[in-house]
Amino acid sequence: MQPPEIQNILAELTHSINETPVEILPIAASGSARQYYRIVTDKRSVIGTYSENTEENEAFLAFSKHFHDLGLNVPEVFAVNKERTCYLQSDFGDDNLFAHVQKSLMAGSFGETVIQLYKTALKHLVKFQCVGHQGLDYSKAYPTPSFDRQAILDDLNYFKYYFVKPHEEIDFNETRLGKDFEALAEFVSQAPCDFFMYRDFQSRNIMVKDNELYFIDFQGGRKGPLNYDVVSLLYQVKAQIPQAVRDELVQYYKQELKQFVNPEEVKFDLYQPYFVYLRLLQVLGAYGFRGLIQKKSHFIESIPYALKELKTWNEKHPLNDYPELQHVLSQLSTLNYPLTLNSQLSTLNSKLTVTINSFSFRKGYPNDFSGNGGGFVFDCRALPNPGREPEFKTKTGRDWEVIDYLMAKPPVHVFLDHVKGIVNQSVENYKERHFNNLMVSFGCTGGQHRSVFFAQTIYEWLKKEHPDIHLILNHIERKIKEEHNP
C-alpha cells in the first residue's frame, strides 16, 4: 500500500478517537517492513503504524494490552482498523537509550548517568520476564510461541546463510558445521525457559521521556530463557559497553531477579557465555541480510563492531566443543570490515564522503559499503584503448605515457567534461542537503588504463574544486587506495 493510502487510513483512525489530525509525518524506517508515522492531532501526538503482516500485528496488539494492563511501560493502543493492518499507539518521543550511549561515547567515557539508565532498564526487564510472563497468551506470539531448539537452529542458520556464505573466502565444511549447530542448539535449549523473552531488548527500543523509560518493539517476543534479553541489551555491539560495566550490570540484574527466582536455580551463569554467542551470531545474520543484501547502511556500519565483539569473546571463551564452528569464527577476523568504516559513514558526520573507484567490468561492479545502493557508473569502453598498444601493456592510467596518449584524444575531453558536469551537480546538491555519501565508479575492460585514468583525474579535480569533502580513491584491480581528509 502506498503512503498516501496509509495516511488516509491513519487519518480515519484518528477521527475514530475523536481527534483531528493536523499533520501526519513519516518516521524513518528501521530494519523491518513496518511503516511508522507521527500524527499530530488537535490534542497531542500519537504514532501510527502500518504493516501487512497481520500475524505480527496481532502479537504486538495482544502483548501490548497484556503488559499495559499490568502497569508495564509500554505503548497504549488507541485504535485498530478492521483489516488489522493499521493501529494508533502512544508516542514516547524520539529520545532513546542509544542516543544517551552515543553522547557518552563521544564524551570519551561510559558515564554513571548512562549506567543508571541501564540499571533501570534491567529492573524493568525483570518485570517483563517474570511478571509479564504470567497469564500471557503465547498462542499470539509470532513467528513462534517459544525459543526452542528449532528457533535456536533457525538463528544459527540465519548466520550461516546470510553472513558466512556471502563471504566466499570463509572456508568451512557444511556438514560438520551443521552437526555443531545441532549440538549447540541441543545444549542451549535445555536452559530454563518459563519466562517472557522480549527478543529484541536493545537500547534503540528503550525510549527516554520525562526521565522515565518506555519499551517498544516487543512483537517478536515469546516464551524463553532469561539470558537472551540480558545479552541483547549489554552486548549491543555499537553501544560498546566496557566489559567491567557489563559485569557490574549483570550482577545488578541477578540481584533484581532474586525477587522472583534464584539465578543459580536457572543456571544463569552456566548458559550466559553461549547466549552471548547466539545473540552475536544472530545479529551478524541480520546485518548480512539487511546490510550486505538489502544494502541498508545502518546495518553495514555495525558489522565491524560485531566482528570485533565476537573476536574478543571467542578469545576468552573458545568453542572447543564445536570445532567446525570455532574454525568459522577464527576466520571472521580476516574479513575486511575495519572499524574506521563507521567514522566514514556515520550520519553524525556532516562531511560528504565521495568514493571513487576504477574497476574491470569483467570482474563485476564495486561494492557500495555505504548502503546507498551505489552511485554513478561511467563506462569508459567506448573510448580509445591504450591496452591495445604494445608499449602500454605493462602501464596503467597513472603512468605519464598513458596519460599523454589519452589526453591527445578529443573524445576523452568530451567524456571528461560531461563527467565533471554530472558529478559536480551531485556534489553541490549533496553538500547542501547534508548527505554523507556519493560513489563514482569508472569501468573499462581490464580496470588498468582508461578507468584508472578517469578515476585518478576526477579524484585530483575534486580535491581542488571541493576541498571540504572527504575523498576515497580505490583502484580495485590495481589494489591501490588513497584518501584525502580536508
Protein backbone atom coordinates (compact mmCIF):
# COMPACT_ATOMS: atom_id res chain seq x y z
CA MET A 1 0.00 0.00 0.00
CA GLN A 2 1.27 3.44 -0.95
CA PRO A 3 1.97 6.14 1.73
CA PRO A 4 -0.98 8.39 0.71
CA GLU A 5 -3.41 5.47 1.18
CA ILE A 6 -1.85 4.60 4.54
CA GLN A 7 -2.12 8.20 5.70
CA ASN A 8 -5.80 8.24 4.73
CA ILE A 9 -6.42 5.16 6.90
CA LEU A 10 -4.49 6.69 9.79
CA ALA A 11 -6.49 9.91 9.45
CA GLU A 12 -9.73 7.90 9.67
CA LEU A 13 -8.45 6.09 12.77
CA THR A 14 -7.54 9.42 14.36
CA HIS A 15 -11.06 10.71 13.76
CA SER A 16 -12.42 7.49 15.32
CA ILE A 17 -10.91 8.50 18.69
CA ASN A 18 -12.45 11.96 18.37
CA GLU A 19 -9.24 13.74 17.47
CA THR A 20 -8.42 15.74 14.36
CA PRO A 21 -5.14 15.04 12.55
CA VAL A 22 -3.24 18.26 11.93
CA GLU A 23 -0.10 16.69 10.47
CA ILE A 24 0.93 13.14 9.52
CA LEU A 25 4.70 12.81 9.23
CA PRO A 26 6.58 9.65 8.16
CA ILE A 27 9.22 8.37 10.59
CA ALA A 28 12.47 6.96 9.25
CA ALA A 29 12.24 3.23 8.57
CA SER A 30 14.04 0.71 10.78
CA GLY A 31 15.09 -2.82 9.87
CA SER A 32 11.54 -4.10 9.43
CA ALA A 33 8.91 -3.58 6.74
CA ARG A 34 6.65 -1.74 9.19
CA GLN A 35 5.93 1.90 8.39
CA TYR A 36 5.63 4.47 11.17
CA TYR A 37 4.06 7.92 11.19
CA ARG A 38 3.88 10.64 13.82
CA ILE A 39 0.36 12.03 13.85
CA VAL A 40 -0.01 15.48 15.39
CA THR A 41 -3.63 15.95 16.42
CA ASP A 42 -5.53 18.87 17.91
CA LYS A 43 -4.86 17.36 21.36
CA ARG A 44 -1.47 15.52 21.31
CA SER A 45 0.71 13.36 19.09
CA VAL A 46 0.38 9.60 18.54
CA ILE A 47 2.24 7.04 16.48
CA GLY A 48 0.51 5.41 13.54
CA THR A 49 1.81 2.02 12.43
CA TYR A 50 1.16 0.15 9.19
CA SER A 51 2.16 -3.43 8.40
CA GLU A 52 0.70 -6.04 6.08
CA ASN A 53 1.93 -8.77 8.43
CA THR A 54 -1.27 -9.18 10.42
CA GLU A 55 0.10 -12.11 12.48
CA GLU A 56 2.90 -9.90 13.76
CA ASN A 57 0.41 -7.10 14.35
CA GLU A 58 -1.79 -9.41 16.43
CA ALA A 59 1.23 -10.37 18.54
CA PHE A 60 2.02 -6.72 19.26
CA LEU A 61 -1.60 -5.82 19.99
CA ALA A 62 -2.10 -8.76 22.38
CA PHE A 63 1.21 -8.27 24.18
CA SER A 64 0.77 -4.51 24.43
CA LYS A 65 -2.66 -4.85 26.07
CA HIS A 66 -1.41 -7.53 28.48
CA PHE A 67 1.65 -5.52 29.54
CA HIS A 68 -0.23 -2.23 29.72
CA ASP A 69 -2.88 -3.81 31.95
CA LEU A 70 -0.08 -4.95 34.26
CA GLY A 71 1.25 -1.40 34.53
CA LEU A 72 4.40 -2.01 32.48
CA ASN A 73 5.75 0.94 30.49
CA VAL A 74 4.59 0.01 27.01
CA PRO A 75 2.54 1.86 24.38
CA GLU A 76 -1.21 2.00 24.78
CA VAL A 77 -3.10 1.12 21.61
CA PHE A 78 -5.90 3.59 20.90
CA ALA A 79 -7.43 2.30 17.67
CA VAL A 80 -7.04 -0.51 15.11
CA ASN A 81 -8.56 -0.72 11.63
CA LYS A 82 -10.80 -3.68 10.79
CA GLU A 83 -8.16 -5.21 8.48
CA ARG A 84 -5.73 -5.22 11.43
CA THR A 85 -3.04 -3.59 9.30
CA CYS A 86 -3.02 -0.13 10.93
CA TYR A 87 -3.13 0.99 14.54
CA LEU A 88 -2.50 4.05 16.69
CA GLN A 89 -0.30 3.87 19.77
CA SER A 90 1.34 6.11 22.37
CA ASP A 91 4.07 8.48 21.25
CA PHE A 92 7.10 8.40 23.57
CA GLY A 93 9.11 10.89 21.51
CA ASP A 94 12.43 10.40 19.72
CA ASP A 95 14.90 10.15 22.60
CA ASN A 96 16.12 6.64 23.32
CA LEU A 97 18.78 4.96 25.42
CA PHE A 98 21.09 4.53 22.45
CA ALA A 99 21.18 8.30 21.94
CA HIS A 100 22.42 8.65 25.52
CA VAL A 101 25.04 5.97 24.85
CA GLN A 102 26.24 7.86 21.77
CA LYS A 103 26.65 11.07 23.77
CA SER A 104 28.62 9.14 26.38
CA LEU A 105 30.89 7.60 23.75
CA MET A 106 31.50 10.98 22.13
CA ALA A 107 32.47 12.32 25.55
CA GLY A 108 35.02 9.54 25.82
CA SER A 109 33.64 7.64 28.82
CA PHE A 110 30.74 5.42 29.78
CA GLY A 111 29.33 7.71 32.45
CA GLU A 112 27.44 6.92 35.64
CA THR A 113 24.27 8.55 34.28
CA VAL A 114 24.13 6.06 31.41
CA ILE A 115 24.93 3.17 33.74
CA GLN A 116 21.96 4.15 35.90
CA LEU A 117 19.73 4.17 32.83
CA TYR A 118 20.89 0.63 32.05
CA LYS A 119 20.16 -0.47 35.60
CA THR A 120 16.67 0.99 35.33
CA ALA A 121 16.19 -0.86 32.04
CA LEU A 122 17.29 -4.14 33.64
CA LYS A 123 14.93 -3.56 36.56
CA HIS A 124 12.07 -3.23 34.08
CA LEU A 125 13.32 -6.27 32.13
CA VAL A 126 12.95 -8.49 35.19
CA LYS A 127 9.30 -7.42 35.41
CA PHE A 128 8.70 -8.18 31.73
CA GLN A 129 10.30 -11.60 32.08
CA CYS A 130 8.65 -12.69 35.32
CA VAL A 131 5.51 -10.59 35.86
CA GLY A 132 4.72 -10.12 32.18
CA HIS A 133 5.03 -13.86 31.63
CA GLN A 134 2.15 -14.66 33.96
CA GLY A 135 -1.07 -15.18 32.02
CA LEU A 136 0.40 -14.13 28.67
CA ASP A 137 -1.24 -15.80 25.67
CA TYR A 138 1.74 -17.22 23.79
CA SER A 139 -0.52 -18.55 21.04
CA LYS A 140 -0.38 -14.98 19.71
CA ALA A 141 3.43 -14.99 19.55
CA TYR A 142 4.98 -14.54 16.10
CA PRO A 143 6.67 -16.32 14.41
CA THR A 144 6.95 -18.97 17.12
CA PRO A 145 5.49 -19.33 20.64
CA SER A 146 8.79 -20.34 22.26
CA PHE A 147 12.55 -20.07 21.87
CA ASP A 148 13.05 -23.79 21.47
CA ARG A 149 15.67 -25.94 19.78
CA GLN A 150 14.29 -25.23 16.31
CA ALA A 151 14.26 -21.47 16.92
CA ILE A 152 17.91 -21.66 18.01
CA LEU A 153 18.81 -23.59 14.86
CA ASP A 154 16.97 -21.01 12.78
CA ASP A 155 19.15 -18.25 14.27
CA LEU A 156 22.34 -20.23 13.67
CA ASN A 157 21.37 -20.95 10.07
CA TYR A 158 20.46 -17.31 9.60
CA PHE A 159 24.08 -16.53 10.43
CA LYS A 160 25.33 -19.23 8.06
CA TYR A 161 23.22 -18.30 5.04
CA TYR A 162 23.28 -14.51 5.30
CA PHE A 163 26.74 -13.84 6.68
CA VAL A 164 29.07 -16.81 6.24
CA LYS A 165 28.04 -17.94 2.76
CA PRO A 166 28.13 -14.47 1.15
CA HIS A 167 31.82 -14.36 2.17
CA GLU A 168 33.31 -16.93 -0.17
CA GLU A 169 36.72 -16.53 1.47
CA ILE A 170 35.44 -18.31 4.60
CA ASP A 171 36.31 -21.99 4.33
CA PHE A 172 34.09 -24.50 6.15
CA ASN A 173 32.59 -27.96 5.93
CA GLU A 174 28.83 -27.52 5.82
CA THR A 175 28.05 -30.98 7.16
CA ARG A 176 30.33 -30.62 10.16
CA LEU A 177 29.07 -27.10 10.81
CA GLY A 178 25.51 -28.40 10.75
CA LYS A 179 26.37 -31.03 13.35
CA ASP A 180 27.93 -28.36 15.58
CA PHE A 181 24.78 -26.27 15.23
CA GLU A 182 22.66 -29.27 16.21
CA ALA A 183 24.79 -29.96 19.28
CA LEU A 184 24.88 -26.31 20.37
CA ALA A 185 21.12 -25.94 19.92
CA GLU A 186 20.50 -29.10 21.93
CA PHE A 187 22.60 -27.80 24.82
CA VAL A 188 21.24 -24.25 24.90
CA SER A 189 17.63 -25.40 24.56
CA GLN A 190 17.96 -27.03 27.99
CA ALA A 191 18.16 -23.62 29.68
CA PRO A 192 15.04 -22.99 31.84
CA CYS A 193 12.62 -21.07 29.66
CA ASP A 194 9.47 -20.41 31.68
CA PHE A 195 9.77 -16.63 31.20
CA PHE A 196 8.85 -13.93 28.69
CA MET A 197 11.67 -13.38 26.20
CA TYR A 198 11.47 -9.88 24.69
CA ARG A 199 13.75 -10.99 21.81
CA ASP A 200 14.97 -7.52 20.77
CA PHE A 201 15.68 -5.87 24.11
CA GLN A 202 18.25 -3.30 22.99
CA SER A 203 18.83 0.39 23.57
CA ARG A 204 17.12 1.66 20.40
CA ASN A 205 13.88 0.05 21.63
CA ILE A 206 14.08 1.77 25.03
CA MET A 207 12.64 5.27 24.87
CA VAL A 208 13.51 8.01 27.35
CA LYS A 209 10.78 10.51 28.17
CA ASP A 210 10.48 12.77 31.21
CA ASN A 211 13.25 10.81 32.99
CA GLU A 212 11.31 7.56 32.60
CA LEU A 213 11.94 4.56 30.35
CA TYR A 214 9.36 3.13 27.95
CA PHE A 215 9.62 -0.03 25.87
CA ILE A 216 8.64 -0.69 22.26
CA ASP A 217 9.04 -3.34 19.53
CA PHE A 218 8.34 -6.47 21.56
CA GLN A 219 6.17 -8.08 18.86
CA GLY A 220 8.85 -10.76 18.33
CA GLY A 221 8.59 -11.84 21.98
CA ARG A 222 7.96 -15.44 23.00
CA LYS A 223 8.35 -17.84 25.88
CA GLY A 224 12.04 -18.34 26.52
CA PRO A 225 15.13 -18.17 28.75
CA LEU A 226 16.34 -15.21 30.81
CA ASN A 227 19.85 -14.81 29.42
CA TYR A 228 18.95 -13.83 25.88
CA ASP A 229 17.45 -10.42 26.69
CA VAL A 230 20.24 -9.54 29.11
CA VAL A 231 22.78 -10.30 26.39
CA SER A 232 20.76 -8.39 23.77
CA LEU A 233 20.99 -5.23 25.88
CA LEU A 234 24.52 -5.49 27.22
CA TYR A 235 26.20 -6.84 24.08
CA GLN A 236 24.59 -4.48 21.59
CA VAL A 237 27.73 -4.06 19.54
CA LYS A 238 27.60 -0.34 18.71
CA ALA A 239 26.92 0.56 22.35
CA GLN A 240 30.49 -0.62 23.13
CA ILE A 241 29.81 -1.15 26.83
CA PRO A 242 33.09 -1.86 28.65
CA GLN A 243 33.28 -5.43 29.95
CA ALA A 244 33.72 -4.24 33.55
CA VAL A 245 30.46 -2.28 33.25
CA ARG A 246 28.74 -5.31 31.75
CA ASP A 247 29.86 -7.43 34.66
CA GLU A 248 28.52 -4.84 37.10
CA LEU A 249 25.20 -4.70 35.27
CA VAL A 250 24.86 -8.49 35.19
CA GLN A 251 25.34 -8.60 38.95
CA TYR A 252 22.72 -5.88 39.36
CA TYR A 253 20.30 -7.83 37.15
CA LYS A 254 20.78 -11.01 39.17
CA GLN A 255 20.06 -9.14 42.39
CA GLU A 256 16.81 -7.82 40.92
CA LEU A 257 15.96 -11.27 39.61
CA LYS A 258 16.16 -12.74 43.11
CA GLN A 259 12.80 -11.13 43.89
CA PHE A 260 11.25 -13.77 41.64
CA VAL A 261 13.73 -16.61 41.06
CA ASN A 262 17.18 -17.72 42.22
CA PRO A 263 19.69 -17.20 39.37
CA GLU A 264 21.55 -20.35 40.45
CA GLU A 265 18.42 -22.46 40.10
CA VAL A 266 18.04 -21.43 36.46
CA LYS A 267 21.81 -21.88 35.86
CA PHE A 268 22.12 -18.32 34.62
CA ASP A 269 25.94 -18.21 34.74
CA LEU A 270 26.34 -21.61 33.06
CA TYR A 271 24.41 -20.59 29.96
CA GLN A 272 25.48 -16.95 29.75
CA PRO A 273 28.58 -17.40 27.50
CA TYR A 274 26.59 -19.41 24.97
CA PHE A 275 23.82 -16.84 24.77
CA VAL A 276 26.43 -14.20 24.02
CA TYR A 277 27.44 -16.32 21.03
CA LEU A 278 23.85 -16.91 19.95
CA ARG A 279 22.99 -13.22 20.01
CA LEU A 280 26.17 -12.10 18.23
CA LEU A 281 25.74 -14.73 15.51
CA GLN A 282 22.07 -13.82 15.11
CA VAL A 283 22.80 -10.11 14.70
CA LEU A 284 25.57 -10.85 12.18
CA GLY A 285 22.99 -12.79 10.20
CA ALA A 286 20.69 -9.78 10.40
CA TYR A 287 23.49 -7.41 9.37
CA GLY A 288 24.28 -9.69 6.44
CA PHE A 289 20.68 -9.76 5.27
CA ARG A 290 19.76 -6.13 5.93
CA GLY A 291 23.18 -4.74 5.08
CA LEU A 292 25.03 -6.83 2.51
CA ILE A 293 21.91 -7.98 0.68
CA GLN A 294 19.41 -5.15 1.18
CA LYS A 295 22.19 -2.50 1.27
CA LYS A 296 20.95 -0.65 4.37
CA SER A 297 23.81 1.47 5.70
CA HIS A 298 22.92 1.27 9.41
CA PHE A 299 23.44 -2.49 9.37
CA ILE A 300 26.63 -2.37 7.32
CA GLU A 301 28.08 0.14 9.78
CA SER A 302 27.50 -2.32 12.62
CA ILE A 303 29.36 -5.27 11.05
CA PRO A 304 32.90 -4.31 12.17
CA TYR A 305 31.69 -3.79 15.74
CA ALA A 306 30.01 -7.20 15.81
CA LEU A 307 33.13 -8.87 14.41
CA LYS A 308 35.32 -7.15 16.99
CA GLU A 309 32.96 -8.18 19.81
CA LEU A 310 32.83 -11.76 18.59
CA LYS A 311 36.61 -11.97 18.28
CA THR A 312 37.12 -10.66 21.82
CA TRP A 313 34.54 -13.08 23.23
CA ASN A 314 35.96 -16.02 21.30
CA GLU A 315 39.43 -15.36 22.68
CA LYS A 316 38.03 -15.61 26.22
CA HIS A 317 35.54 -18.40 25.58
CA PRO A 318 36.68 -20.55 22.62
CA LEU A 319 34.14 -23.09 21.40
CA ASN A 320 36.43 -26.10 21.51
CA ASP A 321 33.47 -28.48 21.83
CA TYR A 322 32.20 -27.24 18.47
CA PRO A 323 35.32 -27.41 16.26
CA GLU A 324 33.83 -26.50 12.88
CA LEU A 325 32.00 -23.51 14.30
CA GLN A 326 35.23 -22.50 16.05
CA HIS A 327 37.01 -22.85 12.69
CA VAL A 328 34.50 -20.44 11.10
CA LEU A 329 34.79 -17.95 13.96
CA SER A 330 38.58 -17.95 13.72
CA GLN A 331 38.32 -16.75 10.12
CA LEU A 332 35.96 -13.83 10.76
CA SER A 333 38.76 -11.53 11.90
CA THR A 334 40.29 -11.76 8.41
CA LEU A 335 37.27 -10.10 6.80
CA ASN A 336 37.82 -6.57 5.53
CA TYR A 337 35.48 -4.56 7.74
CA PRO A 338 37.69 -2.03 9.54
CA LEU A 339 36.25 -0.13 12.48
CA THR A 340 37.11 3.11 10.68
CA LEU A 341 34.23 2.34 8.34
CA ASN A 342 31.80 3.73 10.87
CA SER A 343 33.57 7.05 11.13
CA GLN A 344 33.40 7.39 7.35
CA LEU A 345 29.71 6.55 7.13
CA SER A 346 28.22 7.86 10.38
CA THR A 347 25.28 10.17 9.96
CA LEU A 348 26.75 12.18 12.81
CA ASN A 349 29.48 13.22 10.40
CA SER A 350 28.11 16.03 8.22
CA LYS A 351 31.07 15.93 5.82
CA LEU A 352 30.34 14.41 2.42
CA THR A 353 32.42 11.35 1.52
CA VAL A 354 32.91 10.71 -2.20
CA THR A 355 34.28 7.26 -3.03
CA ILE A 356 35.84 6.97 -6.49
CA ASN A 357 36.57 3.57 -7.99
CA SER A 358 38.28 2.18 -11.06
CA PHE A 359 37.28 -1.38 -11.90
CA SER A 360 37.06 -4.08 -14.56
CA PHE A 361 33.62 -4.87 -15.97
CA ARG A 362 34.76 -8.47 -16.34
CA LYS A 363 35.16 -8.73 -12.55
CA GLY A 364 31.85 -7.09 -11.60
CA TYR A 365 30.70 -3.80 -10.15
CA PRO A 366 32.27 -2.31 -6.99
CA ASN A 367 30.56 -2.92 -3.64
CA ASP A 368 28.92 0.07 -2.02
CA PHE A 369 29.58 -0.22 1.72
CA SER A 370 27.66 2.98 2.48
CA GLY A 371 24.43 1.05 2.00
CA ASN A 372 23.08 3.60 -0.51
CA GLY A 373 23.00 1.11 -3.36
CA GLY A 374 25.83 2.56 -5.43
CA GLY A 375 26.05 5.79 -7.45
CA PHE A 376 27.40 6.83 -10.84
CA VAL A 377 28.99 4.14 -13.02
CA PHE A 378 30.73 5.50 -16.12
CA ASP A 379 31.58 3.10 -18.94
CA CYS A 380 34.95 4.01 -20.47
CA ARG A 381 34.97 1.21 -23.04
CA ALA A 382 33.78 3.45 -25.91
CA LEU A 383 36.98 5.48 -25.63
CA PRO A 384 40.37 4.80 -27.27
CA ASN A 385 42.03 1.85 -25.51
CA PRO A 386 45.74 2.19 -24.62
CA GLY A 387 45.73 -1.50 -23.75
CA ARG A 388 45.74 -2.34 -27.45
CA GLU A 389 49.10 -0.66 -27.90
CA PRO A 390 52.08 -2.96 -27.14
CA GLU A 391 54.10 -0.22 -25.40
CA PHE A 392 51.33 0.31 -22.82
CA LYS A 393 50.69 -3.33 -21.89
CA THR A 394 52.51 -3.07 -18.54
CA LYS A 395 51.50 0.53 -17.87
CA THR A 396 48.43 1.88 -16.04
CA GLY A 397 46.31 5.01 -16.20
CA ARG A 398 48.59 6.55 -13.57
CA ASP A 399 51.67 6.46 -15.84
CA TRP A 400 52.53 9.61 -17.78
CA GLU A 401 52.84 7.71 -21.11
CA VAL A 402 49.21 6.51 -20.86
CA ILE A 403 48.04 9.92 -19.62
CA ASP A 404 49.67 11.66 -22.64
CA TYR A 405 48.13 9.10 -25.01
CA LEU A 406 44.60 9.63 -23.65
CA MET A 407 44.86 13.41 -23.33
CA ALA A 408 45.72 13.60 -27.03
CA LYS A 409 42.34 12.04 -27.95
CA PRO A 410 39.44 14.53 -28.41
CA PRO A 411 36.71 12.04 -27.31
CA VAL A 412 38.45 11.78 -23.93
CA HIS A 413 38.00 15.51 -23.29
CA VAL A 414 34.33 15.40 -24.30
CA PHE A 415 33.75 12.45 -21.95
CA LEU A 416 35.68 14.11 -19.10
CA ASP A 417 33.74 17.38 -19.41
CA HIS A 418 30.42 15.51 -19.24
CA VAL A 419 31.56 13.55 -16.17
CA LYS A 420 32.70 16.69 -14.37
CA GLY A 421 29.39 18.41 -15.01
CA ILE A 422 27.32 15.48 -13.75
CA VAL A 423 29.47 14.76 -10.69
CA ASN A 424 29.78 18.42 -9.71
CA GLN A 425 25.98 18.84 -9.79
CA SER A 426 25.55 15.95 -7.36
CA VAL A 427 28.38 17.03 -5.06
CA GLU A 428 26.96 20.56 -4.77
CA ASN A 429 23.47 19.23 -4.13
CA TYR A 430 24.56 16.57 -1.63
CA LYS A 431 26.54 19.12 0.38
CA GLU A 432 23.53 21.44 0.59
CA ARG A 433 21.30 18.57 1.74
CA HIS A 434 23.91 17.28 4.23
CA PHE A 435 24.13 13.87 2.56
CA ASN A 436 27.04 11.72 3.68
CA ASN A 437 27.98 9.51 0.73
CA LEU A 438 28.36 9.53 -3.03
CA MET A 439 30.04 6.83 -5.11
CA VAL A 440 31.54 7.46 -8.57
CA SER A 441 32.95 4.49 -10.49
CA PHE A 442 34.76 4.15 -13.80
CA GLY A 443 34.87 0.81 -15.56
CA CYS A 444 36.79 -0.48 -18.54
CA THR A 445 37.71 -3.90 -19.86
CA GLY A 446 40.65 -4.69 -17.60
CA GLY A 447 40.49 -1.97 -14.94
CA GLN A 448 44.04 -0.93 -15.83
CA HIS A 449 44.19 2.02 -18.23
CA ARG A 450 41.09 4.11 -19.05
CA SER A 451 39.18 3.53 -15.80
CA VAL A 452 42.28 4.23 -13.72
CA PHE A 453 42.99 7.42 -15.67
CA PHE A 454 39.47 8.82 -15.19
CA ALA A 455 39.20 7.81 -11.54
CA GLN A 456 42.57 9.44 -10.79
CA THR A 457 41.70 12.56 -12.79
CA ILE A 458 38.33 13.06 -11.09
CA TYR A 459 39.91 12.44 -7.67
CA GLU A 460 42.52 15.17 -8.25
CA TRP A 461 39.92 17.52 -9.74
CA LEU A 462 37.53 17.11 -6.77
CA LYS A 463 40.35 17.79 -4.31
CA LYS A 464 40.75 21.23 -5.91
CA GLU A 465 37.09 22.01 -6.63
CA HIS A 466 35.71 20.80 -3.28
CA PRO A 467 38.50 20.89 -0.66
CA ASP A 468 35.92 20.49 2.14
CA ILE A 469 34.86 16.92 1.26
CA HIS A 470 36.38 13.58 2.22
CA LEU A 471 37.66 11.63 -0.79
CA ILE A 472 38.44 7.92 -1.07
CA LEU A 473 40.08 6.58 -4.22
CA ASN A 474 40.09 2.84 -4.95
CA HIS A 475 41.85 1.37 -7.97
CA ILE A 476 40.29 -2.03 -7.41
CA GLU A 477 42.25 -4.10 -9.94
CA ARG A 478 45.49 -2.30 -9.08
CA LYS A 479 44.83 -2.72 -5.32
CA ILE A 480 45.71 0.93 -4.67
CA LYS A 481 43.80 3.09 -2.20
CA GLU A 482 44.22 6.78 -1.40
CA GLU A 483 42.31 9.11 0.93
CA HIS A 484 42.00 12.85 1.16
CA ASN A 485 40.86 14.25 4.53
CA PRO A 486 40.36 18.04 4.48
